[in-house]
Amino acid sequence: PAFVTGLVYAKRLTIAPAEDLSALIQTLRTQGFDDGMILELNQVVAYFNYANRTANGLGVTTVGDELGLSPGDDEDPDNWNHQ
């Protein structure tokens, strides 16, 4: 149940960031989350929302890229295509 509640928290923070989540935070506490765990959950969700919204706002896409690989062409510093 605690894992699922963490996912609910992540979803609600993502979809409605201005929503009052104090009741959900209290539920996390009763399910064993301490303040440090709640803070870490909050920071991870907030960071990925920030990063994704920044990329989306700049029109960054992954079209044509094979995900999960690092650039491998050391001979051409301008080639950031995945090899």
PDB file of N, CA and C in Angstrom:
ATOM      1  N   PRO A   1       0.800  -1.224   0.000  1.00  0.00           N
ATOM      2  CA  PRO A   1       0.000   0.000   0.000  1.00  0.00           C
ATOM      3  C   PRO A   1       0.835   1.277   0.000  1.00  0.00           C
ATOM      4  N   ALA A   2       1.959   1.304   0.722  1.00  0.00           N
ATOM      5  CA  ALA A   2       2.770   2.520   0.791  1.00  0.00           C
ATOM      6  C   ALA A   2       3.330   2.872  -0.580  1.00  0.00           C
ATOM      7  N   PHE A   3       3.762   1.866  -1.338  1.00  0.00           N
ATOM      8  CA  PHE A   3       4.298   2.096  -2.679  1.00  0.00           C
ATOM      9  C   PHE A   3       3.228   2.733  -3.564  1.00  0.00           C
ATOM     10  N   VAL A   4       2.021   2.180  -3.497  1.00  0.00           N
ATOM     11  CA  VAL A   4       0.916   2.714  -4.300  1.00  0.00           C
ATOM     12  C   VAL A   4       0.592   4.145  -3.880  1.00  0.00           C
ATOM     13  N   THR A   5       0.597   4.412  -2.583  1.00  0.00           N
ATOM     14  CA  THR A   5       0.333   5.773  -2.103  1.00  0.00           C
ATOM     15  C   THR A   5       1.411   6.729  -2.608  1.00  0.00           C
ATOM     16  N   GLY A   6       2.652   6.271  -2.653  1.00  0.00           N
ATOM     17  CA  GLY A   6       3.726   7.085  -3.217  1.00  0.00           C
ATOM     18  C   GLY A   6       3.482   7.410  -4.681  1.00  0.00           C
ATOM     19  N   LEU A   7       2.974   6.430  -5.427  1.00  0.00           N
ATOM     20  CA  LEU A   7       2.651   6.668  -6.835  1.00  0.00           C
ATOM     21  C   LEU A   7       1.488   7.649  -6.984  1.00  0.00           C
ATOM     22  N   VAL A   8       0.503   7.525  -6.112  1.00  0.00           N
ATOM     23  CA  VAL A   8      -0.628   8.465  -6.130  1.00  0.00           C
ATOM     24  C   VAL A   8      -0.117   9.882  -5.854  1.00  0.00           C
ATOM     25  N   TYR A   9       0.776  10.014  -4.873  1.00  0.00           N
ATOM     26  CA  TYR A   9       1.369  11.319  -4.562  1.00  0.00           C
ATOM     27  C   TYR A   9       2.087  11.876  -5.794  1.00  0.00           C
ATOM     28  N   ALA A  10       2.895  11.037  -6.446  1.00  0.00           N
ATOM     29  CA  ALA A  10       3.642  11.474  -7.628  1.00  0.00           C
ATOM     30  C   ALA A  10       2.692  11.930  -8.734  1.00  0.00           C
ATOM     31  N   LYS A  11       1.648  11.163  -8.958  1.00  0.00           N
ATOM     32  CA  LYS A  11       0.692  11.516 -10.014  1.00  0.00           C
ATOM     33  C   LYS A  11      -0.016  12.830  -9.703  1.00  0.00           C
ATOM     34  N   ARG A  12      -0.470  12.981  -8.476  1.00  0.00           N
ATOM     35  CA  ARG A  12      -1.201  14.204  -8.115  1.00  0.00           C
ATOM     36  C   ARG A  12      -0.289  15.426  -8.141  1.00  0.00           C
ATOM     37  N   LEU A  13       0.958  15.277  -7.708  1.00  0.00           N
ATOM     38  CA  LEU A  13       1.903  16.391  -7.765  1.00  0.00           C
ATOM     39  C   LEU A  13       2.191  16.774  -9.216  1.00  0.00           C
ATOM     40  N   THR A  14       2.209  15.795 -10.098  1.00  0.00           N
ATOM     41  CA  THR A  14       2.473  16.040 -11.512  1.00  0.00           C
ATOM     42  C   THR A  14       1.290  16.709 -12.198  1.00  0.00           C
ATOM     43  N   ILE A  15       0.102  16.197 -11.963  1.00  0.00           N
ATOM     44  CA  ILE A  15      -1.085  16.671 -12.671  1.00  0.00           C
ATOM     45  C   ILE A  15      -1.635  17.971 -12.091  1.00  0.00           C
ATOM     46  N   ALA A  16      -1.591  18.110 -10.779  1.00  0.00           N
ATOM     47  CA  ALA A  16      -2.173  19.290 -10.121  1.00  0.00           C
ATOM     48  C   ALA A  16      -1.220  19.809  -9.054  1.00  0.00           C
ATOM     49  N   PRO A  17      -0.105  20.442  -9.467  1.00  0.00           N
ATOM     50  CA  PRO A  17       0.922  20.837  -8.500  1.00  0.00           C
ATOM     51  C   PRO A  17       0.458  21.833  -7.438  1.00  0.00           C
ATOM     52  N   ALA A  18      -0.615  22.560  -7.684  1.00  0.00           N
ATOM     53  CA  ALA A  18      -1.098  23.528  -6.692  1.00  0.00           C
ATOM     54  C   ALA A  18      -2.067  22.908  -5.688  1.00  0.00           C
ATOM     55  N   GLU A  19      -2.415  21.647  -5.879  1.00  0.00           N
ATOM     56  CA  GLU A  19      -3.365  20.973  -4.990  1.00  0.00           C
ATOM     57  C   GLU A  19      -2.780  20.806  -3.583  1.00  0.00           C
ATOM     58  N   ASP A  20      -3.624  20.915  -2.578  1.00  0.00           N
ATOM     59  CA  ASP A  20      -3.217  20.677  -1.191  1.00  0.00           C
ATOM     60  C   ASP A  20      -3.067  19.169  -0.980  1.00  0.00           C
ATOM     61  N   LEU A  21      -1.859  18.720  -0.763  1.00  0.00           N
ATOM     62  CA  LEU A  21      -1.581  17.291  -0.607  1.00  0.00           C
ATOM     63  C   LEU A  21      -1.325  16.904   0.843  1.00  0.00           C
ATOM     64  N   SER A  22      -1.691  17.766   1.787  1.00  0.00           N
ATOM     65  CA  SER A  22      -1.376  17.499   3.191  1.00  0.00           C
ATOM     66  C   SER A  22      -2.019  16.210   3.702  1.00  0.00           C
ATOM     67  N   ALA A  23      -3.244  15.904   3.293  1.00  0.00           N
ATOM     68  CA  ALA A  23      -3.892  14.659   3.736  1.00  0.00           C
ATOM     69  C   ALA A  23      -3.159  13.446   3.175  1.00  0.00           C
ATOM     70  N   LEU A  24      -2.721  13.543   1.932  1.00  0.00           N
ATOM     71  CA  LEU A  24      -1.981  12.435   1.322  1.00  0.00           C
ATOM     72  C   LEU A  24      -0.614  12.270   1.983  1.00  0.00           C
ATOM     73  N   ILE A  25       0.013  13.374   2.338  1.00  0.00           N
ATOM     74  CA  ILE A  25       1.295  13.312   3.049  1.00  0.00           C
ATOM     75  C   ILE A  25       1.109  12.637   4.403  1.00  0.00           C
ATOM     76  N   GLN A  26       0.022  12.946   5.077  1.00  0.00           N
ATOM     77  CA  GLN A  26      -0.263  12.289   6.357  1.00  0.00           C
ATOM     78  C   GLN A  26      -0.470  10.789   6.155  1.00  0.00           C
ATOM     79  N   THR A  27      -1.136  10.409   5.080  1.00  0.00           N
ATOM     80  CA  THR A  27      -1.317   8.987   4.772  1.00  0.00           C
ATOM     81  C   THR A  27       0.031   8.319   4.543  1.00  0.00           C
ATOM     82  N   LEU A  28       0.930   8.994   3.829  1.00  0.00           N
ATOM     83  CA  LEU A  28       2.280   8.449   3.637  1.00  0.00           C
ATOM     84  C   LEU A  28       2.953   8.216   4.988  1.00  0.00           C
ATOM     85  N   ARG A  29       2.814   9.161   5.895  1.00  0.00           N
ATOM     86  CA  ARG A  29       3.422   9.013   7.230  1.00  0.00           C
ATOM     87  C   ARG A  29       2.851   7.802   7.964  1.00  0.00           C
ATOM     88  N   THR A  30       1.537   7.622   7.907  1.00  0.00           N
ATOM     89  CA  THR A  30       0.931   6.483   8.615  1.00  0.00           C
ATOM     90  C   THR A  30       1.323   5.156   7.976  1.00  0.00           C
ATOM     91  N   GLN A  31       1.779   5.201   6.726  1.00  0.00           N
ATOM     92  CA  GLN A  31       2.206   3.983   6.046  1.00  0.00           C
ATOM     93  C   GLN A  31       3.716   3.769   6.134  1.00  0.00           C
ATOM     94  N   GLY A  32       4.388   4.562   6.965  1.00  0.00           N
ATOM     95  CA  GLY A  32       5.795   4.311   7.236  1.00  0.00           C
ATOM     96  C   GLY A  32       6.786   5.265   6.609  1.00  0.00           C
ATOM     97  N   PHE A  33       6.328   6.226   5.827  1.00  0.00           N
ATOM     98  CA  PHE A  33       7.248   7.207   5.256  1.00  0.00           C
ATOM     99  C   PHE A  33       7.633   8.206   6.342  1.00  0.00           C
ATOM    100  N   ASP A  34       8.929   8.466   6.494  1.00  0.00           N
ATOM    101  CA  ASP A  34       9.336   9.540   7.394  1.00  0.00           C
ATOM    102  C   ASP A  34       9.502  10.821   6.567  1.00  0.00           C
ATOM    103  N   ASP A  35       9.794  11.925   7.233  1.00  0.00           N
ATOM    104  CA  ASP A  35       9.884  13.199   6.519  1.00  0.00           C
ATOM    105  C   ASP A  35      10.960  13.186   5.440  1.00  0.00           C
ATOM    106  N   GLY A  36      12.074  12.518   5.697  1.00  0.00           N
ATOM    107  CA  GLY A  36      13.140  12.436   4.706  1.00  0.00           C
ATOM    108  C   GLY A  36      12.704  11.683   3.458  1.00  0.00           C
ATOM    109  N   MET A  37      11.963  10.608   3.640  1.00  0.00           N
ATOM    110  CA  MET A  37      11.473   9.829   2.498  1.00  0.00           C
ATOM    111  C   MET A  37      10.459  10.636   1.685  1.00  0.00           C
ATOM    112  N   ILE A  38       9.603  11.367   2.384  1.00  0.00           N
ATOM    113  CA  ILE A  38       8.614  12.200   1.694  1.00  0.00           C
ATOM    114  C   ILE A  38       9.316  13.306   0.920  1.00  0.00           C
ATOM    115  N   LEU A  39      10.322  13.916   1.527  1.00  0.00           N
ATOM    116  CA  LEU A  39      11.087  14.954   0.843  1.00  0.00           C
ATOM    117  C   LEU A  39      11.773  14.391  -0.395  1.00  0.00           C
ATOM    118  N   GLU A  40      12.371  13.214  -0.272  1.00  0.00           N
ATOM    119  CA  GLU A  40      13.050  12.613  -1.422  1.00  0.00           C
ATOM    120  C   GLU A  40      12.063  12.298  -2.544  1.00  0.00           C
ATOM    121  N   LEU A  41      10.913  11.750  -2.196  1.00  0.00           N
ATOM    122  CA  LEU A  41       9.871  11.483  -3.186  1.00  0.00           C
ATOM    123  C   LEU A  41       9.468  12.781  -3.877  1.00  0.00           C
ATOM    124  N   ASN A  42       9.251  13.821  -3.094  1.00  0.00           N
ATOM    125  CA  ASN A  42       8.868  15.117  -3.639  1.00  0.00           C
ATOM    126  C   ASN A  42       9.937  15.656  -4.587  1.00  0.00           C
ATOM    127  N   GLN A  43      11.196  15.565  -4.187  1.00  0.00           N
ATOM    128  CA  GLN A  43      12.277  16.117  -5.003  1.00  0.00           C
ATOM    129  C   GLN A  43      12.438  15.362  -6.315  1.00  0.00           C
ATOM    130  N   VAL A  44      12.320  14.048  -6.286  1.00  0.00           N
ATOM    131  CA  VAL A  44      12.450  13.260  -7.516  1.00  0.00           C
ATOM    132  C   VAL A  44      11.321  13.597  -8.483  1.00  0.00           C
ATOM    133  N   VAL A  45      10.096  13.621  -7.967  1.00  0.00           N
ATOM    134  CA  VAL A  45       8.942  13.942  -8.817  1.00  0.00           C
ATOM    135  C   VAL A  45       9.075  15.359  -9.375  1.00  0.00           C
ATOM    136  N   ALA A  46       9.406  16.313  -8.518  1.00  0.00           N
ATOM    137  CA  ALA A  46       9.522  17.705  -8.951  1.00  0.00           C
ATOM    138  C   ALA A  46      10.637  17.874  -9.979  1.00  0.00           C
ATOM    139  N   TYR A  47      11.776  17.207  -9.772  1.00  0.00           N
ATOM    140  CA  TYR A  47      12.884  17.331 -10.720  1.00  0.00           C
ATOM    141  C   TYR A  47      12.495  16.810 -12.096  1.00  0.00           C
ATOM    142  N   PHE A  48      11.901  15.624 -12.151  1.00  0.00           N
ATOM    143  CA  PHE A  48      11.553  15.061 -13.453  1.00  0.00           C
ATOM    144  C   PHE A  48      10.441  15.859 -14.128  1.00  0.00           C
ATOM    145  N   ASN A  49       9.516  16.410 -13.354  1.00  0.00           N
ATOM    146  CA  ASN A  49       8.517  17.297 -13.948  1.00  0.00           C
ATOM    147  C   ASN A  49       9.185  18.533 -14.542  1.00  0.00           C
ATOM    148  N   TYR A  50      10.125  19.105 -13.805  1.00  0.00           N
ATOM    149  CA  TYR A  50      10.862  20.270 -14.295  1.00  0.00           C
ATOM    150  C   TYR A  50      11.620  19.937 -15.580  1.00  0.00           C
ATOM    151  N   ALA A  51      12.374  18.848 -15.550  1.00  0.00           N
ATOM    152  CA  ALA A  51      13.186  18.478 -16.710  1.00  0.00           C
ATOM    153  C   ALA A  51      12.315  18.189 -17.930  1.00  0.00           C
ATOM    154  N   ASN A  52      11.236  17.453 -17.729  1.00  0.00           N
ATOM    155  CA  ASN A  52      10.358  17.128 -18.853  1.00  0.00           C
ATOM    156  C   ASN A  52       9.658  18.364 -19.399  1.00  0.00           C
ATOM    157  N   ARG A  53       9.207  19.249 -18.526  1.00  0.00           N
ATOM    158  CA  ARG A  53       8.533  20.462 -18.998  1.00  0.00           C
ATOM    159  C   ARG A  53       9.514  21.393 -19.697  1.00  0.00           C
ATOM    160  N   THR A  54      10.748  21.433 -19.231  1.00  0.00           N
ATOM    161  CA  THR A  54      11.766  22.234 -19.905  1.00  0.00           C
ATOM    162  C   THR A  54      12.015  21.697 -21.306  1.00  0.00           C
ATOM    163  N   ALA A  55      12.214  20.391 -21.421  1.00  0.00           N
ATOM    164  CA  ALA A  55      12.459  19.779 -22.731  1.00  0.00           C
ATOM    165  C   ALA A  55      11.256  19.966 -23.652  1.00  0.00           C
ATOM    166  N   ASN A  56      10.060  19.723 -23.139  1.00  0.00           N
ATOM    167  CA  ASN A  56       8.858  19.894 -23.961  1.00  0.00           C
ATOM    168  C   ASN A  56       8.710  21.339 -24.416  1.00  0.00           C
ATOM    169  N   GLY A  57       8.986  22.275 -23.529  1.00  0.00           N
ATOM    170  CA  GLY A  57       8.857  23.691 -23.854  1.00  0.00           C
ATOM    171  C   GLY A  57       9.850  24.163 -24.897  1.00  0.00           C
ATOM    172  N   LEU A  58      10.962  23.453 -25.015  1.00  0.00           N
ATOM    173  CA  LEU A  58      11.970  23.792 -26.020  1.00  0.00           C
ATOM    174  C   LEU A  58      11.808  22.979 -27.297  1.00  0.00           C
ATOM    175  N   GLY A  59      10.808  22.115 -27.322  1.00  0.00           N
ATOM    176  CA  GLY A  59      10.562  21.307 -28.517  1.00  0.00           C
ATOM    177  C   GLY A  59      11.496  20.124 -28.672  1.00  0.00           C
ATOM    178  N   VAL A  60      12.164  19.735 -27.602  1.00  0.00           N
ATOM    179  CA  VAL A  60      13.070  18.593 -27.659  1.00  0.00           C
ATOM    180  C   VAL A  60      12.252  17.318 -27.823  1.00  0.00           C
ATOM    181  N   THR A  61      12.672  16.471 -28.743  1.00  0.00           N
ATOM    182  CA  THR A  61      12.008  15.182 -28.932  1.00  0.00           C
ATOM    183  C   THR A  61      13.057  14.084 -28.985  1.00  0.00           C
ATOM    184  N   THR A  62      12.602  12.873 -28.942  1.00  0.00           N
ATOM    185  CA  THR A  62      13.497  11.721 -29.081  1.00  0.00           C
ATOM    186  C   THR A  62      13.282  11.034 -30.423  1.00  0.00           C
ATOM    187  N   VAL A  63      12.571  11.697 -31.322  1.00  0.00           N
ATOM    188  CA  VAL A  63      12.315  11.126 -32.640  1.00  0.00           C
ATOM    189  C   VAL A  63      13.648  10.906 -33.348  1.00  0.00           C
ATOM    190  N   GLY A  64      13.880   9.693 -33.786  1.00  0.00           N
ATOM    191  CA  GLY A  64      15.108   9.361 -34.497  1.00  0.00           C
ATOM    192  C   GLY A  64      16.248   8.928 -33.604  1.00  0.00           C
ATOM    193  N   ASP A  65      16.100   9.061 -32.296  1.00  0.00           N
ATOM    194  CA  ASP A  65      17.143   8.635 -31.367  1.00  0.00           C
ATOM    195  C   ASP A  65      16.784   7.292 -30.767  1.00  0.00           C
ATOM    196  N   GLU A  66      17.787   6.468 -30.597  1.00  0.00           N
ATOM    197  CA  GLU A  66      17.614   5.211 -29.885  1.00  0.00           C
ATOM    198  C   GLU A  66      17.967   5.492 -28.433  1.00  0.00           C
ATOM    199  N   LEU A  67      16.988   5.379 -27.560  1.00  0.00           N
ATOM    200  CA  LEU A  67      17.188   5.768 -26.167  1.00  0.00           C
ATOM    201  C   LEU A  67      18.005   4.745 -25.397  1.00  0.00           C
ATOM    202  N   GLY A  68      18.723   5.235 -24.392  1.00  0.00           N
ATOM    203  CA  GLY A  68      19.476   4.362 -23.510  1.00  0.00           C
ATOM    204  C   GLY A  68      20.934   4.202 -23.885  1.00  0.00           C
ATOM    205  N   LEU A  69      21.351   4.824 -24.959  1.00  0.00           N
ATOM    206  CA  LEU A  69      22.745   4.727 -25.391  1.00  0.00           C
ATOM    207  C   LEU A  69      23.411   6.090 -25.236  1.00  0.00           C
ATOM    208  N   SER A  70      24.700   6.080 -24.941  1.00  0.00           N
ATOM    209  CA  SER A  70      25.418   7.346 -24.848  1.00  0.00           C
ATOM    210  C   SER A  70      26.100   7.628 -26.182  1.00  0.00           C
ATOM    211  N   PRO A  71      26.360   8.911 -26.463  1.00  0.00           N
ATOM    212  CA  PRO A  71      27.059   9.233 -27.712  1.00  0.00           C
ATOM    213  C   PRO A  71      28.392   8.506 -27.773  1.00  0.00           C
ATOM    214  N   GLY A  72      28.732   8.010 -28.944  1.00  0.00           N
ATOM    215  CA  GLY A  72      29.935   7.201 -29.041  1.00  0.00           C
ATOM    216  C   GLY A  72      30.927   7.641 -30.093  1.00  0.00           C
ATOM    217  N   ASP A  73      30.798   8.841 -30.659  1.00  0.00           N
ATOM    218  CA  ASP A  73      31.707   9.288 -31.710  1.00  0.00           C
ATOM    219  C   ASP A  73      32.658  10.337 -31.141  1.00  0.00           C
ATOM    220  N   ASP A  74      33.763   9.875 -30.560  1.00  0.00           N
ATOM    221  CA  ASP A  74      34.732  10.794 -29.960  1.00  0.00           C
ATOM    222  C   ASP A  74      35.482  11.619 -31.002  1.00  0.00           C
ATOM    223  N   GLU A  75      35.474  11.163 -32.253  1.00  0.00           N
ATOM    224  CA  GLU A  75      36.192  11.865 -33.317  1.00  0.00           C
ATOM    225  C   GLU A  75      35.468  13.134 -33.760  1.00  0.00           C
ATOM    226  N   ASP A  76      34.168  13.194 -33.535  1.00  0.00           N
ATOM    227  CA  ASP A  76      33.367  14.335 -33.973  1.00  0.00           C
ATOM    228  C   ASP A  76      32.586  14.890 -32.789  1.00  0.00           C
ATOM    229  N   PRO A  77      33.124  15.918 -32.113  1.00  0.00           N
ATOM    230  CA  PRO A  77      32.466  16.445 -30.913  1.00  0.00           C
ATOM    231  C   PRO A  77      31.093  17.062 -31.187  1.00  0.00           C
ATOM    232  N   ASP A  78      30.792  17.357 -32.459  1.00  0.00           N
ATOM    233  CA  ASP A  78      29.482  17.912 -32.799  1.00  0.00           C
ATOM    234  C   ASP A  78      28.446  16.835 -33.093  1.00  0.00           C
ATOM    235  N   ASN A  79      28.863  15.584 -33.145  1.00  0.00           N
ATOM    236  CA  ASN A  79      27.939  14.486 -33.434  1.00  0.00           C
ATOM    237  C   ASN A  79      27.410  13.929 -32.121  1.00  0.00           C
ATOM    238  N   TRP A  80      26.195  14.328 -31.772  1.00  0.00           N
ATOM    239  CA  TRP A  80      25.563  13.833 -30.552  1.00  0.00           C
ATOM    240  C   TRP A  80      24.496  12.794 -30.857  1.00  0.00           C
ATOM    241  N   ASN A  81      24.495  12.271 -32.075  1.00  0.00           N
ATOM    242  CA  ASN A  81      23.585  11.172 -32.389  1.00  0.00           C
ATOM    243  C   ASN A  81      24.054   9.933 -31.655  1.00  0.00           C
ATOM    244  N   HIS A  82      23.117   9.150 -31.195  1.00  0.00           N
ATOM    245  CA  HIS A  82      23.478   7.919 -30.501  1.00  0.00           C
ATOM    246  C   HIS A  82      24.018   6.920 -31.506  1.00  0.00           C
ATOM    247  N   GLN A  83      25.105   6.283 -31.154  1.00  0.00           N
ATOM    248  CA  GLN A  83      25.767   5.327 -32.051  1.00  0.00           C
ATOM    249  C   GLN A  83      25.341   3.911 -31.745  1.00  0.00           C
TER     250      GLN A  83
END
